[in-house]
């Protein structure tokens, strides 16, 4: 579980942090804080809960929607970056692309729980 979380944090740090810094006036610290806060929330809410009972597509759409709302709210209430609708959408879509492949990797883990884990078969 920690290995998957570390991989998620690493990939999001490599792609989302520079993207936020490029699209906004975010400092490195602000971009790290926002990216890693959202990554932890997404890991718990989507990867550990929603992905277990739905499929990759639903979990990816949830990640994109949550990323859009999260980064829009962070920009509006915390950091006041110059982030417009298009830039938030770009960040959310890049996050979604990363998450699509992460979910595929997570679902290959045979030790995970899913909706059929407790059936009598």
N, C-alpha and C. Protein backbone atom coordinates (compact mmCIF):
# COMPACT_ATOMS: atom_id res chain seq x y z
N UNK A 1 0.82 -1.19 0.00
CA UNK A 1 0.00 0.00 0.00
C UNK A 1 0.87 1.26 0.00
N UNK A 2 1.91 1.28 0.81
CA UNK A 2 2.77 2.46 0.84
C UNK A 2 3.56 2.62 -0.45
N UNK A 3 3.90 1.51 -1.09
CA UNK A 3 4.60 1.58 -2.36
C UNK A 3 3.74 2.24 -3.43
N UNK A 4 2.45 1.91 -3.44
CA UNK A 4 1.53 2.51 -4.42
C UNK A 4 1.35 3.99 -4.14
N UNK A 5 1.23 4.34 -2.86
CA UNK A 5 1.10 5.75 -2.49
C UNK A 5 2.36 6.51 -2.89
N UNK A 6 3.52 5.94 -2.63
CA UNK A 6 4.77 6.59 -3.01
C UNK A 6 4.86 6.79 -4.51
N UNK A 7 4.45 5.78 -5.28
CA UNK A 7 4.47 5.89 -6.74
C UNK A 7 3.52 6.99 -7.21
N UNK A 8 2.35 7.05 -6.61
CA UNK A 8 1.38 8.10 -6.96
C UNK A 8 1.94 9.48 -6.66
N UNK A 9 2.53 9.65 -5.48
CA UNK A 9 3.11 10.94 -5.11
C UNK A 9 4.27 11.31 -6.03
N UNK A 10 5.08 10.34 -6.39
CA UNK A 10 6.21 10.59 -7.27
C UNK A 10 5.75 11.05 -8.66
N UNK A 11 4.80 10.31 -9.24
CA UNK A 11 4.33 10.67 -10.58
C UNK A 11 3.62 12.03 -10.59
N UNK A 12 2.80 12.28 -9.58
CA UNK A 12 2.11 13.57 -9.52
C UNK A 12 3.11 14.71 -9.28
N UNK A 13 4.13 14.44 -8.49
CA UNK A 13 5.15 15.46 -8.25
C UNK A 13 5.95 15.77 -9.51
N UNK A 14 6.20 14.76 -10.32
CA UNK A 14 6.98 14.96 -11.54
C UNK A 14 6.18 15.70 -12.60
N UNK A 15 4.89 15.44 -12.70
CA UNK A 15 4.10 16.04 -13.77
C UNK A 15 3.26 17.24 -13.34
N UNK A 16 2.58 17.16 -12.21
CA UNK A 16 1.63 18.21 -11.82
C UNK A 16 2.34 19.43 -11.23
N UNK A 17 3.35 19.25 -10.42
CA UNK A 17 4.04 20.39 -9.81
C UNK A 17 4.63 21.32 -10.88
N UNK A 18 5.42 20.81 -11.84
CA UNK A 18 5.92 21.73 -12.88
C UNK A 18 4.81 22.35 -13.73
N UNK A 19 3.75 21.58 -13.97
CA UNK A 19 2.62 22.10 -14.74
C UNK A 19 1.96 23.27 -14.01
N UNK A 20 1.75 23.12 -12.72
CA UNK A 20 1.17 24.22 -11.94
C UNK A 20 2.09 25.44 -11.94
N UNK A 21 3.37 25.21 -11.81
CA UNK A 21 4.32 26.32 -11.80
C UNK A 21 4.37 27.02 -13.17
N UNK A 22 4.19 26.26 -14.23
CA UNK A 22 4.21 26.83 -15.58
C UNK A 22 2.93 27.63 -15.87
N UNK A 23 1.78 27.09 -15.48
CA UNK A 23 0.50 27.72 -15.80
C UNK A 23 0.12 28.86 -14.86
N UNK A 24 0.72 28.90 -13.68
CA UNK A 24 0.35 29.89 -12.68
C UNK A 24 1.59 30.58 -12.15
N UNK A 25 1.38 31.45 -11.16
CA UNK A 25 2.51 32.05 -10.46
C UNK A 25 2.85 31.28 -9.19
N UNK A 26 2.53 30.01 -9.17
CA UNK A 26 2.76 29.19 -7.98
C UNK A 26 4.24 29.04 -7.71
N UNK A 27 4.60 29.15 -6.44
CA UNK A 27 5.97 28.84 -6.04
C UNK A 27 6.11 27.33 -5.94
N UNK A 28 7.33 26.86 -5.82
CA UNK A 28 7.56 25.43 -5.68
C UNK A 28 6.86 24.88 -4.45
N UNK A 29 6.92 25.60 -3.35
CA UNK A 29 6.28 25.16 -2.11
C UNK A 29 4.77 25.08 -2.26
N UNK A 30 4.17 26.10 -2.87
CA UNK A 30 2.72 26.09 -3.06
C UNK A 30 2.29 24.95 -3.98
N UNK A 31 3.03 24.74 -5.05
CA UNK A 31 2.69 23.67 -5.99
C UNK A 31 2.82 22.30 -5.32
N UNK A 32 3.88 22.09 -4.55
CA UNK A 32 4.04 20.84 -3.81
C UNK A 32 2.91 20.64 -2.82
N UNK A 33 2.61 21.67 -2.05
CA UNK A 33 1.55 21.56 -1.04
C UNK A 33 0.22 21.20 -1.69
N UNK A 34 -0.15 21.91 -2.72
CA UNK A 34 -1.44 21.67 -3.37
C UNK A 34 -1.47 20.27 -4.02
N UNK A 35 -0.42 19.92 -4.72
CA UNK A 35 -0.38 18.63 -5.41
C UNK A 35 -0.40 17.47 -4.44
N UNK A 36 0.42 17.53 -3.42
CA UNK A 36 0.49 16.40 -2.49
C UNK A 36 -0.72 16.32 -1.57
N UNK A 37 -1.32 17.44 -1.24
CA UNK A 37 -2.55 17.40 -0.46
C UNK A 37 -3.64 16.72 -1.27
N UNK A 38 -3.77 17.13 -2.53
CA UNK A 38 -4.79 16.50 -3.37
C UNK A 38 -4.47 15.04 -3.64
N UNK A 39 -3.23 14.71 -3.84
CA UNK A 39 -2.86 13.32 -4.11
C UNK A 39 -3.22 12.42 -2.94
N UNK A 40 -2.98 12.88 -1.73
CA UNK A 40 -3.34 12.08 -0.54
C UNK A 40 -4.85 11.93 -0.43
N UNK A 41 -5.58 13.01 -0.65
CA UNK A 41 -7.05 12.94 -0.60
C UNK A 41 -7.57 12.00 -1.68
N UNK A 42 -7.04 12.10 -2.87
CA UNK A 42 -7.47 11.27 -3.98
C UNK A 42 -7.13 9.80 -3.72
N UNK A 43 -5.98 9.54 -3.14
CA UNK A 43 -5.59 8.17 -2.86
C UNK A 43 -6.57 7.50 -1.90
N UNK A 44 -6.97 8.24 -0.88
CA UNK A 44 -7.90 7.68 0.11
C UNK A 44 -9.31 7.56 -0.48
N UNK A 45 -9.82 8.65 -1.04
CA UNK A 45 -11.22 8.68 -1.48
C UNK A 45 -11.46 7.88 -2.76
N UNK A 46 -10.59 8.02 -3.72
CA UNK A 46 -10.85 7.39 -5.02
C UNK A 46 -10.14 6.05 -5.14
N UNK A 47 -8.84 6.03 -4.91
CA UNK A 47 -8.07 4.80 -5.14
C UNK A 47 -8.40 3.70 -4.14
N UNK A 48 -8.61 4.06 -2.89
CA UNK A 48 -8.87 3.04 -1.88
C UNK A 48 -10.36 2.72 -1.69
N UNK A 49 -11.23 3.66 -1.96
CA UNK A 49 -12.66 3.42 -1.75
C UNK A 49 -13.42 3.22 -3.06
N UNK A 50 -13.43 4.20 -3.91
CA UNK A 50 -14.24 4.16 -5.13
C UNK A 50 -13.73 3.12 -6.13
N UNK A 51 -12.44 3.03 -6.32
CA UNK A 51 -11.89 2.09 -7.30
C UNK A 51 -12.19 0.64 -6.93
N UNK A 52 -12.35 0.36 -5.67
CA UNK A 52 -12.64 -1.01 -5.24
C UNK A 52 -14.04 -1.47 -5.64
N UNK A 53 -14.97 -0.54 -5.78
CA UNK A 53 -16.35 -0.92 -6.08
C UNK A 53 -16.80 -0.50 -7.48
N UNK A 54 -15.96 0.23 -8.21
CA UNK A 54 -16.31 0.62 -9.58
C UNK A 54 -15.18 0.20 -10.49
N UNK A 55 -15.17 0.77 -11.67
CA UNK A 55 -14.12 0.43 -12.63
C UNK A 55 -13.17 1.61 -12.82
N UNK A 56 -12.18 1.41 -13.68
CA UNK A 56 -11.16 2.42 -13.92
C UNK A 56 -11.76 3.71 -14.49
N UNK A 57 -12.71 3.58 -15.39
CA UNK A 57 -13.32 4.76 -16.01
C UNK A 57 -14.03 5.65 -15.01
N UNK A 58 -14.83 5.04 -14.14
CA UNK A 58 -15.56 5.82 -13.13
C UNK A 58 -14.59 6.48 -12.15
N UNK A 59 -13.57 5.75 -11.74
CA UNK A 59 -12.59 6.30 -10.80
C UNK A 59 -11.79 7.43 -11.45
N UNK A 60 -11.47 7.29 -12.72
CA UNK A 60 -10.72 8.34 -13.42
C UNK A 60 -11.57 9.60 -13.57
N UNK A 61 -12.84 9.44 -13.94
CA UNK A 61 -13.74 10.59 -14.03
C UNK A 61 -13.90 11.28 -12.68
N UNK A 62 -13.98 10.49 -11.62
CA UNK A 62 -14.07 11.08 -10.28
C UNK A 62 -12.80 11.86 -9.96
N UNK A 63 -11.65 11.31 -10.32
CA UNK A 63 -10.38 12.02 -10.09
C UNK A 63 -10.32 13.34 -10.86
N UNK A 64 -10.77 13.32 -12.11
CA UNK A 64 -10.75 14.54 -12.92
C UNK A 64 -11.67 15.59 -12.32
N UNK A 65 -12.87 15.19 -11.95
CA UNK A 65 -13.82 16.13 -11.35
C UNK A 65 -13.32 16.68 -10.03
N UNK A 66 -12.80 15.81 -9.18
CA UNK A 66 -12.27 16.26 -7.89
C UNK A 66 -11.06 17.17 -8.08
N UNK A 67 -10.20 16.84 -9.02
CA UNK A 67 -9.01 17.68 -9.28
C UNK A 67 -9.44 19.06 -9.74
N UNK A 68 -10.42 19.13 -10.63
CA UNK A 68 -10.89 20.42 -11.12
C UNK A 68 -11.42 21.27 -9.97
N UNK A 69 -12.28 20.68 -9.15
CA UNK A 69 -12.87 21.43 -8.03
C UNK A 69 -11.79 21.81 -7.02
N UNK A 70 -10.91 20.87 -6.68
CA UNK A 70 -9.88 21.13 -5.67
C UNK A 70 -8.95 22.27 -6.10
N UNK A 71 -8.41 22.18 -7.30
CA UNK A 71 -7.45 23.21 -7.72
C UNK A 71 -8.13 24.55 -7.95
N UNK A 72 -9.39 24.54 -8.35
CA UNK A 72 -10.12 25.79 -8.49
C UNK A 72 -10.30 26.45 -7.11
N UNK A 73 -10.67 25.64 -6.11
CA UNK A 73 -10.87 26.18 -4.76
C UNK A 73 -9.55 26.61 -4.12
N UNK A 74 -8.49 25.86 -4.34
CA UNK A 74 -7.18 26.23 -3.80
C UNK A 74 -6.73 27.56 -4.39
N UNK A 75 -6.93 27.71 -5.70
CA UNK A 75 -6.56 28.96 -6.34
C UNK A 75 -7.39 30.13 -5.82
N UNK A 76 -8.67 29.89 -5.63
CA UNK A 76 -9.56 30.98 -5.23
C UNK A 76 -9.39 31.39 -3.77
N UNK A 77 -9.23 30.43 -2.87
CA UNK A 77 -9.26 30.74 -1.44
C UNK A 77 -7.90 30.72 -0.74
N UNK A 78 -6.90 30.09 -1.32
CA UNK A 78 -5.63 29.97 -0.61
C UNK A 78 -4.48 30.71 -1.27
N UNK A 79 -4.21 30.42 -2.53
CA UNK A 79 -2.98 30.92 -3.13
C UNK A 79 -3.17 32.05 -4.12
N UNK A 80 -4.35 32.28 -4.63
CA UNK A 80 -4.63 33.37 -5.56
C UNK A 80 -3.67 33.37 -6.76
N UNK A 81 -3.53 32.19 -7.36
CA UNK A 81 -2.75 32.08 -8.57
C UNK A 81 -3.56 32.67 -9.72
N UNK A 82 -2.92 32.85 -10.84
CA UNK A 82 -3.64 33.31 -12.04
C UNK A 82 -4.12 32.09 -12.82
N UNK A 83 -5.03 31.36 -12.23
CA UNK A 83 -5.50 30.11 -12.82
C UNK A 83 -6.89 30.34 -13.38
N UNK A 84 -7.04 30.19 -14.69
CA UNK A 84 -8.36 30.35 -15.30
C UNK A 84 -8.97 28.98 -15.57
N UNK A 85 -10.17 28.97 -16.14
CA UNK A 85 -10.90 27.74 -16.39
C UNK A 85 -10.09 26.77 -17.26
N UNK A 86 -9.50 27.25 -18.31
CA UNK A 86 -8.73 26.40 -19.22
C UNK A 86 -7.54 25.77 -18.51
N UNK A 87 -6.82 26.55 -17.71
CA UNK A 87 -5.66 26.02 -17.00
C UNK A 87 -6.06 24.98 -15.96
N UNK A 88 -7.17 25.21 -15.26
CA UNK A 88 -7.65 24.22 -14.30
C UNK A 88 -8.04 22.94 -15.03
N UNK A 89 -8.68 23.09 -16.17
CA UNK A 89 -9.07 21.92 -16.96
C UNK A 89 -7.84 21.14 -17.43
N UNK A 90 -6.80 21.84 -17.85
CA UNK A 90 -5.56 21.18 -18.28
C UNK A 90 -4.94 20.39 -17.12
N UNK A 91 -4.86 21.01 -15.95
CA UNK A 91 -4.30 20.33 -14.78
C UNK A 91 -5.14 19.10 -14.44
N UNK A 92 -6.46 19.24 -14.45
CA UNK A 92 -7.34 18.12 -14.13
C UNK A 92 -7.21 16.99 -15.14
N UNK A 93 -7.10 17.33 -16.42
CA UNK A 93 -6.96 16.29 -17.45
C UNK A 93 -5.61 15.57 -17.37
N UNK A 94 -4.55 16.30 -17.11
CA UNK A 94 -3.24 15.66 -16.94
C UNK A 94 -3.27 14.74 -15.72
N UNK A 95 -3.88 15.23 -14.65
CA UNK A 95 -4.02 14.39 -13.46
C UNK A 95 -4.83 13.14 -13.80
N UNK A 96 -5.90 13.30 -14.57
CA UNK A 96 -6.72 12.16 -14.96
C UNK A 96 -5.96 11.15 -15.80
N UNK A 97 -5.13 11.61 -16.70
CA UNK A 97 -4.33 10.70 -17.52
C UNK A 97 -3.38 9.88 -16.65
N UNK A 98 -2.72 10.56 -15.72
CA UNK A 98 -1.82 9.86 -14.79
C UNK A 98 -2.61 8.84 -13.98
N UNK A 99 -3.77 9.25 -13.50
CA UNK A 99 -4.58 8.37 -12.66
C UNK A 99 -5.13 7.18 -13.43
N UNK A 100 -5.46 7.35 -14.70
CA UNK A 100 -5.94 6.23 -15.51
C UNK A 100 -4.92 5.10 -15.49
N UNK A 101 -3.66 5.43 -15.70
CA UNK A 101 -2.61 4.41 -15.71
C UNK A 101 -2.32 3.89 -14.30
N UNK A 102 -2.43 4.76 -13.32
CA UNK A 102 -2.24 4.31 -11.93
C UNK A 102 -3.35 3.34 -11.53
N UNK A 103 -4.57 3.61 -11.90
CA UNK A 103 -5.68 2.70 -11.57
C UNK A 103 -5.49 1.36 -12.25
N UNK A 104 -5.02 1.37 -13.49
CA UNK A 104 -4.76 0.10 -14.18
C UNK A 104 -3.72 -0.71 -13.40
N UNK A 105 -2.71 -0.03 -12.92
CA UNK A 105 -1.68 -0.70 -12.12
C UNK A 105 -2.27 -1.20 -10.80
N UNK A 106 -3.07 -0.38 -10.14
CA UNK A 106 -3.67 -0.77 -8.85
C UNK A 106 -4.59 -1.97 -9.02
N UNK A 107 -5.33 -2.03 -10.10
CA UNK A 107 -6.28 -3.13 -10.29
C UNK A 107 -5.60 -4.46 -10.63
N UNK A 108 -4.35 -4.43 -11.03
CA UNK A 108 -3.63 -5.67 -11.31
C UNK A 108 -3.15 -6.35 -10.03
N UNK A 109 -3.19 -5.65 -8.92
CA UNK A 109 -2.76 -6.20 -7.64
C UNK A 109 -3.77 -7.23 -7.17
N UNK A 110 -3.36 -8.48 -7.10
CA UNK A 110 -4.28 -9.56 -6.73
C UNK A 110 -4.71 -9.49 -5.27
N UNK A 111 -3.99 -8.79 -4.43
CA UNK A 111 -4.32 -8.74 -3.01
C UNK A 111 -5.35 -7.67 -2.65
N UNK A 112 -5.86 -6.95 -3.63
CA UNK A 112 -6.78 -5.87 -3.31
C UNK A 112 -8.17 -6.40 -3.03
N UNK A 113 -8.94 -5.66 -2.29
CA UNK A 113 -10.33 -5.99 -2.04
C UNK A 113 -11.17 -5.41 -3.16
N UNK A 114 -12.22 -6.12 -3.53
CA UNK A 114 -13.17 -5.55 -4.48
C UNK A 114 -14.57 -6.00 -4.09
N UNK A 115 -15.52 -5.70 -4.92
CA UNK A 115 -16.91 -5.99 -4.56
C UNK A 115 -17.19 -7.49 -4.51
N UNK A 116 -16.32 -8.32 -5.05
CA UNK A 116 -16.53 -9.77 -5.03
C UNK A 116 -15.65 -10.48 -4.00
N UNK A 117 -14.94 -9.74 -3.18
CA UNK A 117 -13.99 -10.34 -2.26
C UNK A 117 -14.64 -11.23 -1.21
N UNK A 118 -15.86 -10.93 -0.83
CA UNK A 118 -16.50 -11.66 0.27
C UNK A 118 -17.59 -12.59 -0.21
N UNK A 119 -17.62 -12.88 -1.52
CA UNK A 119 -18.64 -13.80 -2.03
C UNK A 119 -18.26 -15.23 -1.65
N UNK A 120 -19.22 -16.12 -1.73
CA UNK A 120 -19.01 -17.51 -1.33
C UNK A 120 -18.34 -18.36 -2.40
N UNK A 121 -18.05 -17.81 -3.55
CA UNK A 121 -17.44 -18.58 -4.64
C UNK A 121 -16.07 -19.03 -4.31
